[in-house]
Amino acid sequence: MARLKVTQLKSGIGGKQNQRDTLRTLGLKRIGDTAVKEDRPEIRGMVATVAHLVAVEEVE
């Protein structure tokens, strides 16, 4: 199964509470943090919520 490498590029400060919570749920605490997650619909939805704050790559 494919995996997604999610990297935080921008701060969640000043964003909506649900966006800050989503970053935390993805395991991202600060700019530059990276998390590798399974490519599932739930994760894709979380990434879509904070798409303007993160970069996403597919990894094997």
N, C-alpha and C. Protein backbone atom coordinates (compact mmCIF):
# COMPACT_ATOMS: atom_id res chain seq x y z
N MET A 1 0.84 -1.18 0.00
CA MET A 1 0.00 0.00 0.00
C MET A 1 0.89 1.25 0.00
N ALA A 2 0.48 2.25 -0.71
CA ALA A 2 1.25 3.49 -0.81
C ALA A 2 1.22 4.24 0.52
N ARG A 3 2.23 5.07 0.68
CA ARG A 3 2.32 5.89 1.89
C ARG A 3 2.49 7.34 1.47
N LEU A 4 2.06 8.23 2.33
CA LEU A 4 2.17 9.67 2.07
C LEU A 4 3.16 10.29 3.05
N LYS A 5 4.07 11.09 2.52
CA LYS A 5 5.00 11.84 3.34
C LYS A 5 4.47 13.26 3.42
N VAL A 6 4.05 13.67 4.61
CA VAL A 6 3.43 14.98 4.82
C VAL A 6 4.42 15.86 5.59
N THR A 7 4.76 17.02 5.02
CA THR A 7 5.70 17.94 5.64
C THR A 7 5.02 19.28 5.88
N GLN A 8 5.15 19.80 7.10
CA GLN A 8 4.54 21.09 7.41
C GLN A 8 5.45 22.21 6.89
N LEU A 9 4.87 23.11 6.10
CA LEU A 9 5.62 24.22 5.50
C LEU A 9 5.29 25.56 6.14
N LYS A 10 4.08 25.70 6.64
CA LYS A 10 3.63 26.97 7.23
C LYS A 10 3.06 26.72 8.61
N SER A 11 2.99 27.77 9.40
CA SER A 11 2.49 27.69 10.76
C SER A 11 0.97 27.61 10.80
N GLY A 12 0.47 26.94 11.81
CA GLY A 12 -0.97 26.87 12.02
C GLY A 12 -1.49 28.02 12.86
N ILE A 13 -0.58 28.86 13.37
CA ILE A 13 -0.98 30.00 14.19
C ILE A 13 -1.84 30.93 13.35
N GLY A 14 -2.94 31.36 13.89
CA GLY A 14 -3.83 32.25 13.18
C GLY A 14 -4.86 31.52 12.35
N GLY A 15 -4.71 30.20 12.23
CA GLY A 15 -5.68 29.41 11.49
C GLY A 15 -6.84 29.00 12.37
N LYS A 16 -7.79 28.34 11.79
CA LYS A 16 -8.94 27.87 12.55
C LYS A 16 -8.53 26.73 13.48
N GLN A 17 -9.29 26.56 14.54
CA GLN A 17 -8.98 25.53 15.53
C GLN A 17 -8.95 24.13 14.90
N ASN A 18 -9.89 23.85 13.98
CA ASN A 18 -9.91 22.51 13.39
C ASN A 18 -8.67 22.27 12.54
N GLN A 19 -8.09 23.31 11.94
CA GLN A 19 -6.87 23.14 11.17
C GLN A 19 -5.68 22.87 12.09
N ARG A 20 -5.61 23.56 13.22
CA ARG A 20 -4.54 23.31 14.19
C ARG A 20 -4.65 21.90 14.76
N ASP A 21 -5.88 21.48 15.03
CA ASP A 21 -6.11 20.12 15.54
C ASP A 21 -5.71 19.07 14.51
N THR A 22 -6.00 19.34 13.25
CA THR A 22 -5.66 18.40 12.18
C THR A 22 -4.15 18.25 12.04
N LEU A 23 -3.42 19.36 12.13
CA LEU A 23 -1.95 19.28 12.08
C LEU A 23 -1.44 18.40 13.21
N ARG A 24 -1.99 18.59 14.40
CA ARG A 24 -1.56 17.82 15.55
C ARG A 24 -1.89 16.34 15.38
N THR A 25 -3.06 16.05 14.82
CA THR A 25 -3.48 14.66 14.59
C THR A 25 -2.57 13.98 13.56
N LEU A 26 -2.11 14.74 12.59
CA LEU A 26 -1.18 14.19 11.60
C LEU A 26 0.22 13.98 12.18
N GLY A 27 0.46 14.50 13.37
CA GLY A 27 1.76 14.33 14.01
C GLY A 27 2.73 15.46 13.69
N LEU A 28 2.21 16.60 13.27
CA LEU A 28 3.05 17.75 12.91
C LEU A 28 2.95 18.80 14.00
N LYS A 29 4.09 19.18 14.56
CA LYS A 29 4.09 20.14 15.66
C LYS A 29 4.71 21.48 15.27
N ARG A 30 5.65 21.46 14.33
CA ARG A 30 6.32 22.70 13.95
C ARG A 30 6.72 22.67 12.49
N ILE A 31 7.07 23.82 11.96
CA ILE A 31 7.47 23.92 10.56
C ILE A 31 8.69 23.03 10.33
N GLY A 32 8.64 22.26 9.27
CA GLY A 32 9.74 21.35 8.95
C GLY A 32 9.50 19.92 9.41
N ASP A 33 8.53 19.71 10.29
CA ASP A 33 8.22 18.35 10.74
C ASP A 33 7.66 17.53 9.59
N THR A 34 8.00 16.24 9.58
CA THR A 34 7.53 15.33 8.54
C THR A 34 6.91 14.11 9.20
N ALA A 35 5.81 13.64 8.63
CA ALA A 35 5.15 12.43 9.10
C ALA A 35 4.84 11.56 7.89
N VAL A 36 5.04 10.25 8.04
CA VAL A 36 4.71 9.31 6.97
C VAL A 36 3.47 8.54 7.41
N LYS A 37 2.43 8.62 6.60
CA LYS A 37 1.14 8.01 6.93
C LYS A 37 0.69 7.09 5.79
N GLU A 38 -0.15 6.12 6.13
CA GLU A 38 -0.76 5.26 5.11
C GLU A 38 -1.68 6.09 4.23
N ASP A 39 -1.75 5.76 2.95
CA ASP A 39 -2.61 6.49 2.01
C ASP A 39 -4.02 5.93 2.13
N ARG A 40 -4.80 6.55 3.02
CA ARG A 40 -6.19 6.14 3.24
C ARG A 40 -7.08 7.35 3.07
N PRO A 41 -8.37 7.15 2.83
CA PRO A 41 -9.29 8.27 2.65
C PRO A 41 -9.32 9.24 3.84
N GLU A 42 -9.18 8.70 5.05
CA GLU A 42 -9.21 9.57 6.23
C GLU A 42 -8.02 10.52 6.24
N ILE A 43 -6.85 9.99 5.89
CA ILE A 43 -5.63 10.80 5.86
C ILE A 43 -5.71 11.82 4.73
N ARG A 44 -6.24 11.40 3.56
CA ARG A 44 -6.40 12.32 2.43
C ARG A 44 -7.32 13.49 2.83
N GLY A 45 -8.36 13.20 3.59
CA GLY A 45 -9.27 14.24 4.04
C GLY A 45 -8.59 15.22 4.99
N MET A 46 -7.77 14.69 5.89
CA MET A 46 -7.03 15.56 6.80
C MET A 46 -6.05 16.45 6.04
N VAL A 47 -5.37 15.86 5.06
CA VAL A 47 -4.42 16.63 4.25
C VAL A 47 -5.16 17.72 3.46
N ALA A 48 -6.35 17.42 2.97
CA ALA A 48 -7.12 18.41 2.22
C ALA A 48 -7.51 19.59 3.12
N THR A 49 -7.75 19.32 4.40
CA THR A 49 -8.13 20.37 5.33
C THR A 49 -6.99 21.37 5.54
N VAL A 50 -5.75 20.89 5.52
CA VAL A 50 -4.60 21.76 5.77
C VAL A 50 -3.67 21.83 4.55
N ALA A 51 -4.24 21.69 3.36
CA ALA A 51 -3.44 21.64 2.13
C ALA A 51 -2.58 22.89 1.94
N HIS A 52 -3.04 24.03 2.44
CA HIS A 52 -2.28 25.28 2.28
C HIS A 52 -1.12 25.39 3.27
N LEU A 53 -1.02 24.45 4.20
CA LEU A 53 0.04 24.48 5.22
C LEU A 53 1.07 23.37 5.05
N VAL A 54 0.78 22.38 4.21
CA VAL A 54 1.64 21.21 4.10
C VAL A 54 2.00 20.89 2.65
N ALA A 55 3.05 20.07 2.50
CA ALA A 55 3.42 19.51 1.21
C ALA A 55 3.29 18.00 1.33
N VAL A 56 2.82 17.35 0.27
CA VAL A 56 2.56 15.91 0.31
C VAL A 56 3.32 15.24 -0.84
N GLU A 57 3.99 14.11 -0.52
CA GLU A 57 4.66 13.30 -1.53
C GLU A 57 4.25 11.85 -1.30
N GLU A 58 4.18 11.09 -2.40
CA GLU A 58 3.94 9.66 -2.27
C GLU A 58 5.29 8.95 -2.18
N VAL A 59 5.41 8.02 -1.23
CA VAL A 59 6.63 7.24 -1.06
C VAL A 59 6.25 5.77 -1.02
N GLU A 60 7.20 4.93 -1.31
CA GLU A 60 6.95 3.47 -1.27
C GLU A 60 7.52 2.88 -0.01
